[in-house]
Amino acid sequence: MKLRLLGAADTVERSADLAGGVDPAQVTDALRGWPVPDAVGHRVVHGGTSFTVPVRIDAAVRARLAELTDLAPLHQPPALAALDAVTALLPDVPAVACLDTAFHATLPSAAATYPVPREWRERLGVRRYGFHGLSHAYCAGRVAELLGGPVRRIVTCHLGAGASLAAVLDGRSVDTTMGFTPLDGLVMATRSGSVDPGLVLWLCARLPPDEVAAALEYRSGLTALAGSGDLRIVEAAAARGDPDALLALDVHTHHLVAGIAAMAAALGGLDALAFTGGVGEHSAGVRGRAARGLAFLGVDVDGPLNRSARGDVDVSTPNARVRTLVVTAREDLEIARGTRRVLAG
């Protein structure tokens, strides 16, 4: 099935901010000169339990996605605003929503369930959803292509300003580090990652809850530890011996290694480890530090190969038990594939 596909995330997200505003003029400019597409693929962060595969958008789907805004208040409004802006310009072109949570819909109950009151789980939908699913799905599939066949146990590492891991068993997500929100899991550029929930309660008893929430989302992570969320700046400062930067890298590596090991445990072992996303693709330091911490699992990267890695490449030593790869993030291709599948029935 050959289609001309428009990836709304690529052409429109630049005009959407976190408040959900889309400038219609910018949308028109972004689409000017494009041939009329056969379909539009939209990246939407949250599908809840309603949408666990890509879905063709109609009024009912649009309404349900809007109802899920409470679960993703920072990310759902811009996606819906972009959807509406493109639909207004291309009303007769079929549109498909590809959900970042959908890949993790296969989490087993043991991994998805929080040990909290049943009412919260059943009435409020409290569970682990996971995010970055489009990236994890593409990365796992690309690993199999690069290694020449099915790979049973893969840990995919989407590392960027936001970061998460996924345990992928026979192509299906069985565990991930982000949970009910994208704030959970690894140390990120400005997000704290996992912290003791008792600490959050303690802080909320002493500070305004909105202030605590904003600090955990925008003023934590590498920014809180080293003064910058840009890992390149942190690594450069650490090379100069800056103690805050050195601590930040140690904390970042500690959580990354522990998370990968936990994902490997969920898989019952590890066959391949893949790094993707802006940091995963471009930081040889992050990959090297992680590999040293995971040597006990059979991870071993070739130093020169790791430092020179560009594009999709295996950076393992020849005799490593676990293959370690760098994979270029291509959520756009995953959206295209999902859109084709929906339109092909």
C-alpha atoms as a PDB file:
ATOM      1  CA  MET A   1       0.000   0.000   0.000  1.00  0.00           C
ATOM      2  CA  LYS A   2       1.763   3.155  -1.213  1.00  0.00           C
ATOM      3  CA  LEU A   3       0.554   6.400   0.347  1.00  0.00           C
ATOM      4  CA  ARG A   4       1.646  10.017   0.536  1.00  0.00           C
ATOM      5  CA  LEU A   5       1.679  10.559   4.276  1.00  0.00           C
ATOM      6  CA  LEU A   6       1.787  13.818   6.188  1.00  0.00           C
ATOM      7  CA  GLY A   7       3.305  13.514   9.651  1.00  0.00           C
ATOM      8  CA  ALA A   8       1.561  16.257  11.573  1.00  0.00           C
ATOM      9  CA  ALA A   9       4.045  15.966  14.405  1.00  0.00           C
ATOM     10  CA  ASP A  10       6.863  16.996  12.059  1.00  0.00           C
ATOM     11  CA  THR A  11       5.077  19.840  10.312  1.00  0.00           C
ATOM     12  CA  VAL A  12       2.872  21.294  13.011  1.00  0.00           C
ATOM     13  CA  GLU A  13       4.354  20.658  16.452  1.00  0.00           C
ATOM     14  CA  ARG A  14       6.717  23.579  15.999  1.00  0.00           C
ATOM     15  CA  SER A  15       3.656  25.875  16.165  1.00  0.00           C
ATOM     16  CA  ALA A  16       2.253  24.256  19.325  1.00  0.00           C
ATOM     17  CA  ASP A  17       3.466  25.171  22.774  1.00  0.00           C
ATOM     18  CA  LEU A  18       2.834  23.415  26.075  1.00  0.00           C
ATOM     19  CA  ALA A  19      -0.188  25.614  26.679  1.00  0.00           C
ATOM     20  CA  GLY A  20      -1.823  23.943  23.702  1.00  0.00           C
ATOM     21  CA  GLY A  21      -1.771  26.949  21.402  1.00  0.00           C
ATOM     22  CA  VAL A  22      -1.421  26.459  17.649  1.00  0.00           C
ATOM     23  CA  ASP A  23      -0.993  29.407  15.310  1.00  0.00           C
ATOM     24  CA  PRO A  24      -3.188  28.614  12.266  1.00  0.00           C
ATOM     25  CA  ALA A  25      -0.967  30.798  10.086  1.00  0.00           C
ATOM     26  CA  GLN A  26       2.066  28.710  11.028  1.00  0.00           C
ATOM     27  CA  VAL A  27       0.156  25.533  10.232  1.00  0.00           C
ATOM     28  CA  THR A  28      -0.762  26.922   6.823  1.00  0.00           C
ATOM     29  CA  ASP A  29       2.854  27.938   6.213  1.00  0.00           C
ATOM     30  CA  ALA A  30       4.104  24.498   7.270  1.00  0.00           C
ATOM     31  CA  LEU A  31       1.823  22.800   4.764  1.00  0.00           C
ATOM     32  CA  ARG A  32       2.314  25.254   1.908  1.00  0.00           C
ATOM     33  CA  GLY A  33       3.896  23.578  -1.091  1.00  0.00           C
ATOM     34  CA  TRP A  34       3.064  20.070   0.064  1.00  0.00           C
ATOM     35  CA  PRO A  35       1.050  17.886  -2.312  1.00  0.00           C
ATOM     36  CA  VAL A  36      -2.296  16.913  -0.840  1.00  0.00           C
ATOM     37  CA  PRO A  37      -1.504  13.785   1.201  1.00  0.00           C
ATOM     38  CA  ASP A  38      -3.438  10.548   1.150  1.00  0.00           C
ATOM     39  CA  ALA A  39      -3.431  10.449   4.953  1.00  0.00           C
ATOM     40  CA  VAL A  40      -2.258  12.329   8.018  1.00  0.00           C
ATOM     41  CA  GLY A  41      -0.571  10.572  10.925  1.00  0.00           C
ATOM     42  CA  HIS A  42      -0.769  12.307  14.303  1.00  0.00           C
ATOM     43  CA  ARG A  43       1.416  11.553  17.292  1.00  0.00           C
ATOM     44  CA  VAL A  44      -0.765  11.648  20.404  1.00  0.00           C
ATOM     45  CA  VAL A  45       0.839  10.974  23.760  1.00  0.00           C
ATOM     46  CA  HIS A  46      -2.018   9.344  25.678  1.00  0.00           C
ATOM     47  CA  GLY A  47      -4.526   6.750  24.564  1.00  0.00           C
ATOM     48  CA  GLY A  48      -5.383   5.492  28.040  1.00  0.00           C
ATOM     49  CA  THR A  49      -6.916   2.039  27.958  1.00  0.00           C
ATOM     50  CA  SER A  50      -9.276   3.141  25.163  1.00  0.00           C
ATOM     51  CA  PHE A  51      -6.751   3.162  22.320  1.00  0.00           C
ATOM     52  CA  THR A  52      -4.087   0.478  22.378  1.00  0.00           C
ATOM     53  CA  VAL A  53      -3.363   0.487  18.628  1.00  0.00           C
ATOM     54  CA  PRO A  54      -3.377   3.296  16.045  1.00  0.00           C
ATOM     55  CA  VAL A  55      -6.915   4.460  15.335  1.00  0.00           C
ATOM     56  CA  ARG A  56      -8.620   6.422  12.575  1.00  0.00           C
ATOM     57  CA  ILE A  57      -9.810   9.732  13.932  1.00  0.00           C
ATOM     58  CA  ASP A  58     -13.480  10.641  13.836  1.00  0.00           C
ATOM     59  CA  ALA A  59     -15.586  12.833  16.090  1.00  0.00           C
ATOM     60  CA  ALA A  60     -15.979  10.126  18.722  1.00  0.00           C
ATOM     61  CA  VAL A  61     -12.250   9.352  18.798  1.00  0.00           C
ATOM     62  CA  ARG A  62     -11.429  13.069  18.998  1.00  0.00           C
ATOM     63  CA  ALA A  63     -13.819  13.460  21.921  1.00  0.00           C
ATOM     64  CA  ARG A  64     -12.359  10.486  23.768  1.00  0.00           C
ATOM     65  CA  LEU A  65      -8.801  11.748  23.274  1.00  0.00           C
ATOM     66  CA  ALA A  66      -9.903  15.071  24.753  1.00  0.00           C
ATOM     67  CA  GLU A  67     -11.365  13.257  27.761  1.00  0.00           C
ATOM     68  CA  LEU A  68      -7.903  11.797  28.409  1.00  0.00           C
ATOM     69  CA  THR A  69      -6.362  15.255  28.832  1.00  0.00           C
ATOM     70  CA  ASP A  70      -6.534  14.836  32.595  1.00  0.00           C
ATOM     71  CA  LEU A  71      -3.983  12.014  32.276  1.00  0.00           C
ATOM     72  CA  ALA A  72      -1.568  14.082  30.147  1.00  0.00           C
ATOM     73  CA  PRO A  73      -2.331  17.766  30.763  1.00  0.00           C
ATOM     74  CA  LEU A  74       0.982  19.009  29.334  1.00  0.00           C
ATOM     75  CA  HIS A  75       1.016  16.932  26.154  1.00  0.00           C
ATOM     76  CA  GLN A  76      -2.555  16.159  25.078  1.00  0.00           C
ATOM     77  CA  PRO A  77      -3.743  19.742  24.402  1.00  0.00           C
ATOM     78  CA  PRO A  78      -0.986  20.597  21.871  1.00  0.00           C
ATOM     79  CA  ALA A  79      -1.556  17.329  20.034  1.00  0.00           C
ATOM     80  CA  LEU A  80      -5.292  17.934  19.824  1.00  0.00           C
ATOM     81  CA  ALA A  81      -4.770  21.545  18.768  1.00  0.00           C
ATOM     82  CA  ALA A  82      -2.482  20.382  15.967  1.00  0.00           C
ATOM     83  CA  LEU A  83      -5.014  17.719  14.986  1.00  0.00           C
ATOM     84  CA  ASP A  84      -7.778  20.325  14.770  1.00  0.00           C
ATOM     85  CA  ALA A  85      -5.633  22.769  12.802  1.00  0.00           C
ATOM     86  CA  VAL A  86      -4.638  20.189  10.194  1.00  0.00           C
ATOM     87  CA  THR A  87      -8.178  18.815   9.960  1.00  0.00           C
ATOM     88  CA  ALA A  88      -9.485  22.320   9.274  1.00  0.00           C
ATOM     89  CA  LEU A  89      -7.082  22.596   6.337  1.00  0.00           C
ATOM     90  CA  LEU A  90      -7.489  19.008   5.091  1.00  0.00           C
ATOM     91  CA  PRO A  91     -11.029  18.046   6.112  1.00  0.00           C
ATOM     92  CA  ASP A  92     -11.402  15.245   3.571  1.00  0.00           C
ATOM     93  CA  VAL A  93      -8.051  13.551   4.215  1.00  0.00           C
ATOM     94  CA  PRO A  94      -8.203  10.534   6.575  1.00  0.00           C
ATOM     95  CA  ALA A  95      -6.324  11.077   9.828  1.00  0.00           C
ATOM     96  CA  VAL A  96      -4.898   8.477  12.199  1.00  0.00           C
ATOM     97  CA  ALA A  97      -3.850   8.862  15.818  1.00  0.00           C
ATOM     98  CA  CYS A  98      -0.722   6.947  16.802  1.00  0.00           C
ATOM     99  CA  LEU A  99      -0.419   6.749  20.574  1.00  0.00           C
ATOM    100  CA  ASP A 100       2.782   6.845  22.604  1.00  0.00           C
ATOM    101  CA  THR A 101       1.140   4.743  25.299  1.00  0.00           C
ATOM    102  CA  ALA A 102      -0.118   2.056  22.914  1.00  0.00           C
ATOM    103  CA  PHE A 103       3.113   0.047  22.691  1.00  0.00           C
ATOM    104  CA  HIS A 104       2.971  -0.509  26.439  1.00  0.00           C
ATOM    105  CA  ALA A 105      -0.615  -1.789  26.408  1.00  0.00           C
ATOM    106  CA  THR A 106       0.914  -5.281  26.427  1.00  0.00           C
ATOM    107  CA  LEU A 107       2.412  -4.825  29.892  1.00  0.00           C
ATOM    108  CA  PRO A 108       1.415  -7.803  32.028  1.00  0.00           C
ATOM    109  CA  SER A 109      -0.759  -7.045  35.031  1.00  0.00           C
ATOM    110  CA  ALA A 110       2.178  -7.551  37.379  1.00  0.00           C
ATOM    111  CA  ALA A 111       4.045  -4.708  35.671  1.00  0.00           C
ATOM    112  CA  ALA A 112       1.079  -2.411  35.035  1.00  0.00           C
ATOM    113  CA  THR A 113      -0.647  -2.566  38.433  1.00  0.00           C
ATOM    114  CA  TYR A 114       0.088  -0.230  41.320  1.00  0.00           C
ATOM    115  CA  PRO A 115      -0.531  -1.664  44.814  1.00  0.00           C
ATOM    116  CA  VAL A 116      -2.995   1.096  45.688  1.00  0.00           C
ATOM    117  CA  PRO A 117      -6.690   1.009  46.663  1.00  0.00           C
ATOM    118  CA  ARG A 118      -8.942  -0.757  44.182  1.00  0.00           C
ATOM    119  CA  GLU A 119     -11.166   2.324  43.856  1.00  0.00           C
ATOM    120  CA  TRP A 120      -8.236   4.353  42.552  1.00  0.00           C
ATOM    121  CA  ARG A 121      -7.391   1.679  40.030  1.00  0.00           C
ATOM    122  CA  GLU A 122     -10.936   1.048  38.820  1.00  0.00           C
ATOM    123  CA  ARG A 123     -12.601   4.476  39.057  1.00  0.00           C
ATOM    124  CA  LEU A 124      -9.638   6.773  38.408  1.00  0.00           C
ATOM    125  CA  GLY A 125      -7.657   4.596  36.016  1.00  0.00           C
ATOM    126  CA  VAL A 126      -4.534   4.580  38.160  1.00  0.00           C
ATOM    127  CA  ARG A 127      -2.020   2.216  36.543  1.00  0.00           C
ATOM    128  CA  ARG A 128       1.325   2.284  34.780  1.00  0.00           C
ATOM    129  CA  TYR A 129       0.834   3.440  31.199  1.00  0.00           C
ATOM    130  CA  GLY A 130       4.370   4.029  29.947  1.00  0.00           C
ATOM    131  CA  PHE A 131       5.375   6.548  27.282  1.00  0.00           C
ATOM    132  CA  HIS A 132       7.790   6.999  24.328  1.00  0.00           C
ATOM    133  CA  GLY A 133       6.094   3.942  22.854  1.00  0.00           C
ATOM    134  CA  LEU A 134       6.532   4.984  19.229  1.00  0.00           C
ATOM    135  CA  SER A 135      10.276   5.329  19.751  1.00  0.00           C
ATOM    136  CA  HIS A 136      10.599   2.067  21.661  1.00  0.00           C
ATOM    137  CA  ALA A 137       8.570   0.184  19.046  1.00  0.00           C
ATOM    138  CA  TYR A 138      10.641   1.495  16.153  1.00  0.00           C
ATOM    139  CA  CYS A 139      13.913   0.908  17.992  1.00  0.00           C
ATOM    140  CA  ALA A 140      13.105  -2.710  18.836  1.00  0.00           C
ATOM    141  CA  GLY A 141      12.094  -3.431  15.257  1.00  0.00           C
ATOM    142  CA  ARG A 142      15.219  -1.777  13.916  1.00  0.00           C
ATOM    143  CA  VAL A 143      17.426  -3.876  16.222  1.00  0.00           C
ATOM    144  CA  ALA A 144      15.993  -7.024  14.665  1.00  0.00           C
ATOM    145  CA  GLU A 145      16.700  -5.651  11.189  1.00  0.00           C
ATOM    146  CA  LEU A 146      20.277  -4.717  12.068  1.00  0.00           C
ATOM    147  CA  LEU A 147      20.991  -8.097  13.644  1.00  0.00           C
ATOM    148  CA  GLY A 148      19.455 -10.012  10.775  1.00  0.00           C
ATOM    149  CA  GLY A 149      16.486 -11.666  12.427  1.00  0.00           C
ATOM    150  CA  PRO A 150      14.219 -11.829  15.465  1.00  0.00           C
ATOM    151  CA  VAL A 151      15.833 -10.832  18.763  1.00  0.00           C
ATOM    152  CA  ARG A 152      13.979 -12.198  21.738  1.00  0.00           C
ATOM    153  CA  ARG A 153      15.075  -9.993  24.672  1.00  0.00           C
ATOM    154  CA  ILE A 154      15.800  -6.326  24.016  1.00  0.00           C
ATOM    155  CA  VAL A 155      16.110  -3.358  26.343  1.00  0.00           C
ATOM    156  CA  THR A 156      15.492  -0.139  24.427  1.00  0.00           C
ATOM    157  CA  CYS A 157      16.827   3.075  25.961  1.00  0.00           C
ATOM    158  CA  HIS A 158      15.099   6.242  24.760  1.00  0.00           C
ATOM    159  CA  LEU A 159      17.390   8.897  26.212  1.00  0.00           C
ATOM    160  CA  GLY A 160      16.810  12.569  25.598  1.00  0.00           C
ATOM    161  CA  ALA A 161      15.421  15.489  27.576  1.00  0.00           C
ATOM    162  CA  GLY A 162      12.795  12.936  28.554  1.00  0.00           C
ATOM    163  CA  ALA A 163      14.042   9.403  29.052  1.00  0.00           C
ATOM    164  CA  SER A 164      12.622   5.933  29.518  1.00  0.00           C
ATOM    165  CA  LEU A 165      13.521   2.286  29.117  1.00  0.00           C
ATOM    166  CA  ALA A 166      11.439  -0.583  27.784  1.00  0.00           C
ATOM    167  CA  ALA A 167      11.812  -4.329  28.184  1.00  0.00           C
ATOM    168  CA  VAL A 168      10.777  -5.833  24.840  1.00  0.00           C
ATOM    169  CA  LEU A 169      10.135  -9.574  24.704  1.00  0.00           C
ATOM    170  CA  ASP A 170       9.433 -11.050  21.266  1.00  0.00           C
ATOM    171  CA  GLY A 171       8.464  -7.601  20.026  1.00  0.00           C
ATOM    172  CA  ARG A 172       6.104  -6.782  22.916  1.00  0.00           C
ATOM    173  CA  SER A 173       6.651  -4.364  25.782  1.00  0.00           C
ATOM    174  CA  VAL A 174       6.594  -6.211  29.103  1.00  0.00           C
ATOM    175  CA  ASP A 175       8.027  -3.491  31.361  1.00  0.00           C
ATOM    176  CA  THR A 176       8.999   0.165  31.204  1.00  0.00           C
ATOM    177  CA  THR A 177      10.335   2.829  33.537  1.00  0.00           C
ATOM    178  CA  MET A 178       7.736   5.563  33.087  1.00  0.00           C
ATOM    179  CA  GLY A 179       4.493   4.921  34.899  1.00  0.00           C
ATOM    180  CA  PHE A 180       1.263   6.868  35.393  1.00  0.00           C
ATOM    181  CA  THR A 181       3.052   9.982  34.150  1.00  0.00           C
ATOM    182  CA  PRO A 182       6.251  10.766  32.205  1.00  0.00           C
ATOM    183  CA  LEU A 183       7.763  12.070  35.458  1.00  0.00           C
ATOM    184  CA  ASP A 184       8.590   8.561  36.671  1.00  0.00           C
ATOM    185  CA  GLY A 185      11.729   6.528  36.102  1.00  0.00           C
ATOM    186  CA  LEU A 186      15.145   7.772  34.995  1.00  0.00           C
ATOM    187  CA  VAL A 187      16.918  11.022  35.800  1.00  0.00           C
ATOM    188  CA  MET A 188      16.067  13.428  32.975  1.00  0.00           C
ATOM    189  CA  ALA A 189      17.025  16.920  31.856  1.00  0.00           C
ATOM    190  CA  THR A 190      14.583  18.763  34.117  1.00  0.00           C
ATOM    191  CA  ARG A 191      12.446  15.935  35.573  1.00  0.00           C
ATOM    192  CA  SER A 192      13.405  14.167  38.756  1.00  0.00           C
ATOM    193  CA  GLY A 193      12.488  10.658  37.717  1.00  0.00           C
ATOM    194  CA  SER A 194      11.500   8.284  40.519  1.00  0.00           C
ATOM    195  CA  VAL A 195      11.499   9.727  44.020  1.00  0.00           C
ATOM    196  CA  ASP A 196       9.994   8.478  47.268  1.00  0.00           C
ATOM    197  CA  PRO A 197       6.234   9.259  47.210  1.00  0.00           C
ATOM    198  CA  GLY A 198       6.555   9.952  50.920  1.00  0.00           C
ATOM    199  CA  LEU A 199       8.977  12.747  50.054  1.00  0.00           C
ATOM    200  CA  VAL A 200       6.394  14.321  47.750  1.00  0.00           C
ATOM    201  CA  LEU A 201       3.770  14.163  50.504  1.00  0.00           C
ATOM    202  CA  TRP A 202       6.252  15.644  52.985  1.00  0.00           C
ATOM    203  CA  LEU A 203       7.061  18.496  50.600  1.00  0.00           C
ATOM    204  CA  CYS A 204       3.382  19.165  49.844  1.00  0.00           C
ATOM    205  CA  ALA A 205       2.740  19.597  53.557  1.00  0.00           C
ATOM    206  CA  ARG A 206       5.362  22.370  53.636  1.00  0.00           C
ATOM    207  CA  LEU A 207       5.168  23.966  50.189  1.00  0.00           C
ATOM    208  CA  PRO A 208       2.320  24.730  47.774  1.00  0.00           C
ATOM    209  CA  PRO A 209       1.585  21.547  45.794  1.00  0.00           C
ATOM    210  CA  ASP A 210       1.761  23.440  42.502  1.00  0.00           C
ATOM    211  CA  GLU A 211       5.256  24.607  43.406  1.00  0.00           C
ATOM    212  CA  VAL A 212       6.325  21.055  44.206  1.00  0.00           C
ATOM    213  CA  ALA A 213       4.852  19.778  40.937  1.00  0.00           C
ATOM    214  CA  ALA A 214       6.579  22.489  38.898  1.00  0.00           C
ATOM    215  CA  ALA A 215       9.905  21.871  40.615  1.00  0.00           C
ATOM    216  CA  LEU A 216       9.796  18.117  39.969  1.00  0.00           C
ATOM    217  CA  GLU A 217       8.875  18.698  36.314  1.00  0.00           C
ATOM    218  CA  TYR A 218      11.024  21.708  35.378  1.00  0.00           C
ATOM    219  CA  ARG A 219      13.741  22.278  38.006  1.00  0.00           C
ATOM    220  CA  SER A 220      14.954  18.787  38.885  1.00  0.00           C
ATOM    221  CA  GLY A 221      17.037  16.112  37.163  1.00  0.00           C
ATOM    222  CA  LEU A 222      20.349  17.200  35.659  1.00  0.00           C
ATOM    223  CA  THR A 223      19.275  20.824  35.953  1.00  0.00           C
ATOM    224  CA  ALA A 224      19.010  20.548  39.732  1.00  0.00           C
ATOM    225  CA  LEU A 225      22.251  18.619  40.091  1.00  0.00           C
ATOM    226  CA  ALA A 226      24.532  20.420  37.638  1.00  0.00           C
ATOM    227  CA  GLY A 227      22.779  23.644  36.664  1.00  0.00           C
ATOM    228  CA  SER A 228      21.991  22.501  33.117  1.00  0.00           C
ATOM    229  CA  GLY A 229      19.716  19.926  31.540  1.00  0.00           C
ATOM    230  CA  ASP A 230      21.948  19.720  28.476  1.00  0.00           C
ATOM    231  CA  LEU A 231      24.051  16.602  28.939  1.00  0.00           C
ATOM    232  CA  ARG A 232      26.749  17.958  26.614  1.00  0.00           C
ATOM    233  CA  ILE A 233      27.285  20.891  28.978  1.00  0.00           C
ATOM    234  CA  VAL A 234      27.263  18.601  32.002  1.00  0.00           C
ATOM    235  CA  GLU A 235      29.805  16.229  30.453  1.00  0.00           C
ATOM    236  CA  ALA A 236      32.068  19.133  29.483  1.00  0.00           C
ATOM    237  CA  ALA A 237      31.915  20.506  33.018  1.00  0.00           C
ATOM    238  CA  ALA A 238      32.656  17.064  34.448  1.00  0.00           C
ATOM    239  CA  ALA A 239      35.717  16.804  32.192  1.00  0.00           C
ATOM    240  CA  ARG A 240      36.963  20.000  33.833  1.00  0.00           C
ATOM    241  CA  GLY A 241      36.495  18.411  37.236  1.00  0.00           C
ATOM    242  CA  ASP A 242      33.360  20.301  38.289  1.00  0.00           C
ATOM    243  CA  PRO A 243      32.088  18.415  41.377  1.00  0.00           C
ATOM    244  CA  ASP A 244      28.392  19.115  40.722  1.00  0.00           C
ATOM    245  CA  ALA A 245      28.690  17.834  37.160  1.00  0.00           C
ATOM    246  CA  LEU A 246      30.591  14.755  38.303  1.00  0.00           C
ATOM    247  CA  LEU A 247      27.872  14.017  40.842  1.00  0.00           C
ATOM    248  CA  ALA A 248      25.175  14.558  38.215  1.00  0.00           C
ATOM    249  CA  LEU A 249      26.777  12.016  35.873  1.00  0.00           C
ATOM    250  CA  ASP A 250      27.183   9.536  38.708  1.00  0.00           C
ATOM    251  CA  VAL A 251      23.520   9.872  39.695  1.00  0.00           C
ATOM    252  CA  HIS A 252      22.400   9.676  36.063  1.00  0.00           C
ATOM    253  CA  THR A 253      24.487   6.545  35.442  1.00  0.00           C
ATOM    254  CA  HIS A 254      23.400   4.893  38.705  1.00  0.00           C
ATOM    255  CA  HIS A 255      19.730   5.167  37.778  1.00  0.00           C
ATOM    256  CA  LEU A 256      20.302   4.212  34.148  1.00  0.00           C
ATOM    257  CA  VAL A 257      22.275   1.066  34.979  1.00  0.00           C
ATOM    258  CA  ALA A 258      19.822   0.047  37.698  1.00  0.00           C
ATOM    259  CA  GLY A 259      16.909   0.585  35.318  1.00  0.00           C
ATOM    260  CA  ILE A 260      18.447  -1.459  32.515  1.00  0.00           C
ATOM    261  CA  ALA A 261      19.237  -4.270  34.944  1.00  0.00           C
ATOM    262  CA  ALA A 262      15.625  -4.219  36.145  1.00  0.00           C
ATOM    263  CA  MET A 263      14.370  -4.407  32.560  1.00  0.00           C
ATOM    264  CA  ALA A 264      16.718  -7.340  31.900  1.00  0.00           C
ATOM    265  CA  ALA A 265      15.299  -9.082  34.973  1.00  0.00           C
ATOM    266  CA  ALA A 266      11.784  -8.622  33.585  1.00  0.00           C
ATOM    267  CA  LEU A 267      12.979 -10.312  30.375  1.00  0.00           C
ATOM    268  CA  GLY A 268      14.760 -13.161  32.124  1.00  0.00           C
ATOM    269  CA  GLY A 269      18.022 -12.136  30.482  1.00  0.00           C
ATOM    270  CA  LEU A 270      19.289  -9.849  27.768  1.00  0.00           C
ATOM    271  CA  ASP A 271      20.181 -10.379  24.107  1.00  0.00           C
ATOM    272  CA  ALA A 272      20.432  -6.787  22.874  1.00  0.00           C
ATOM    273  CA  LEU A 273      20.698  -3.307  24.350  1.00  0.00           C
ATOM    274  CA  ALA A 274      19.783  -0.352  22.140  1.00  0.00           C
ATOM    275  CA  PHE A 275      20.343   3.362  22.676  1.00  0.00           C
ATOM    276  CA  THR A 276      18.161   5.898  20.858  1.00  0.00           C
ATOM    277  CA  GLY A 277      16.999   9.486  21.274  1.00  0.00           C
ATOM    278  CA  GLY A 278      19.177  12.589  21.267  1.00  0.00           C
ATOM    279  CA  VAL A 279      21.353  11.529  24.201  1.00  0.00           C
ATOM    280  CA  GLY A 280      21.273   7.820  23.413  1.00  0.00           C
ATOM    281  CA  GLU A 281      22.433   8.417  19.850  1.00  0.00           C
ATOM    282  CA  HIS A 282      25.043  11.095  20.485  1.00  0.00           C
ATOM    283  CA  SER A 283      26.603  10.521  23.904  1.00  0.00           C
ATOM    284  CA  ALA A 284      29.360   7.929  23.756  1.00  0.00           C
ATOM    285  CA  GLY A 285      29.980   8.746  27.411  1.00  0.00           C
ATOM    286  CA  VAL A 286      26.509   7.689  28.496  1.00  0.00           C
ATOM    287  CA  ARG A 287      26.765   4.454  26.511  1.00  0.00           C
ATOM    288  CA  GLY A 288      30.262   3.706  27.799  1.00  0.00           C
ATOM    289  CA  ARG A 289      29.395   4.347  31.439  1.00  0.00           C
ATOM    290  CA  ALA A 290      26.272   2.204  31.141  1.00  0.00           C
ATOM    291  CA  ALA A 291      28.217  -0.615  29.493  1.00  0.00           C
ATOM    292  CA  ARG A 292      30.805  -0.656  32.274  1.00  0.00           C
ATOM    293  CA  GLY A 293      28.049  -0.895  34.868  1.00  0.00           C
ATOM    294  CA  LEU A 294      26.359  -3.710  32.959  1.00  0.00           C
ATOM    295  CA  ALA A 295      29.427  -5.830  32.264  1.00  0.00           C
ATOM    296  CA  PHE A 296      28.039  -8.480  34.617  1.00  0.00           C
ATOM    297  CA  LEU A 297      25.188  -9.021  32.120  1.00  0.00           C
ATOM    298  CA  GLY A 298      27.570  -9.517  29.212  1.00  0.00           C
ATOM    299  CA  VAL A 299      27.469  -5.954  27.855  1.00  0.00           C
ATOM    300  CA  ASP A 300      30.806  -4.918  26.334  1.00  0.00           C
ATOM    301  CA  VAL A 301      31.267  -2.064  23.863  1.00  0.00           C
ATOM    302  CA  ASP A 302      34.218  -1.398  21.601  1.00  0.00           C
ATOM    303  CA  GLY A 303      35.670   1.948  22.709  1.00  0.00           C
ATOM    304  CA  PRO A 304      36.648   3.354  19.287  1.00  0.00           C
ATOM    305  CA  LEU A 305      33.440   2.098  17.660  1.00  0.00           C
ATOM    306  CA  ASN A 306      31.376   3.617  20.444  1.00  0.00           C
ATOM    307  CA  ARG A 307      33.114   6.988  20.192  1.00  0.00           C
ATOM    308  CA  SER A 308      32.767   7.161  16.406  1.00  0.00           C
ATOM    309  CA  ALA A 309      29.192   5.826  16.203  1.00  0.00           C
ATOM    310  CA  ARG A 310      27.018   7.605  13.670  1.00  0.00           C
ATOM    311  CA  GLY A 311      23.628   6.415  12.535  1.00  0.00           C
ATOM    312  CA  ASP A 312      22.489   2.836  13.123  1.00  0.00           C
ATOM    313  CA  VAL A 313      25.426   0.718  14.221  1.00  0.00           C
ATOM    314  CA  ASP A 314      26.440  -2.201  16.442  1.00  0.00           C
ATOM    315  CA  VAL A 315      29.126  -0.953  18.848  1.00  0.00           C
ATOM    316  CA  SER A 316      29.689  -4.261  20.664  1.00  0.00           C
ATOM    317  CA  THR A 317      32.996  -6.035  20.939  1.00  0.00           C
ATOM    318  CA  PRO A 318      33.067  -9.194  18.777  1.00  0.00           C
ATOM    319  CA  ASN A 319      32.709 -11.605  21.698  1.00  0.00           C
ATOM    320  CA  ALA A 320      30.141  -9.678  23.754  1.00  0.00           C
ATOM    321  CA  ARG A 321      27.253 -11.867  24.922  1.00  0.00           C
ATOM    322  CA  VAL A 322      24.869  -8.914  24.566  1.00  0.00           C
ATOM    323  CA  ARG A 323      24.804  -6.872  21.361  1.00  0.00           C
ATOM    324  CA  THR A 324      24.814  -3.113  22.022  1.00  0.00           C
ATOM    325  CA  LEU A 325      23.462  -0.887  19.255  1.00  0.00           C
ATOM    326  CA  VAL A 326      22.899   2.755  18.485  1.00  0.00           C
ATOM    327  CA  VAL A 327      19.617   3.382  16.654  1.00  0.00           C
ATOM    328  CA  THR A 328      18.467   6.658  15.134  1.00  0.00           C
ATOM    329  CA  ALA A 329      15.077   7.623  16.570  1.00  0.00           C
ATOM    330  CA  ARG A 330      12.413   7.544  13.845  1.00  0.00           C
ATOM    331  CA  GLU A 331       8.999   7.956  15.428  1.00  0.00           C
ATOM    332  CA  ASP A 332       7.905   9.399  12.079  1.00  0.00           C
ATOM    333  CA  LEU A 333       8.419   6.042  10.370  1.00  0.00           C
ATOM    334  CA  GLU A 334       6.529   4.264  13.153  1.00  0.00           C
ATOM    335  CA  ILE A 335       3.643   6.715  12.705  1.00  0.00           C
ATOM    336  CA  ALA A 336       3.680   6.085   8.959  1.00  0.00           C
ATOM    337  CA  ARG A 337       3.562   2.328   9.493  1.00  0.00           C
ATOM    338  CA  GLY A 338       0.717   2.631  11.966  1.00  0.00           C
ATOM    339  CA  THR A 339      -1.232   4.879   9.617  1.00  0.00           C
ATOM    340  CA  ARG A 340      -0.794   2.443   6.742  1.00  0.00           C
ATOM    341  CA  ARG A 341      -1.946  -0.465   8.902  1.00  0.00           C
ATOM    342  CA  VAL A 342      -5.119   1.354   9.891  1.00  0.00           C
ATOM    343  CA  LEU A 343      -5.994   2.417   6.367  1.00  0.00           C
ATOM    344  CA  ALA A 344      -5.234  -1.045   5.017  1.00  0.00           C
ATOM    345  CA  GLY A 345      -7.736  -2.462   7.458  1.00  0.00           C
END
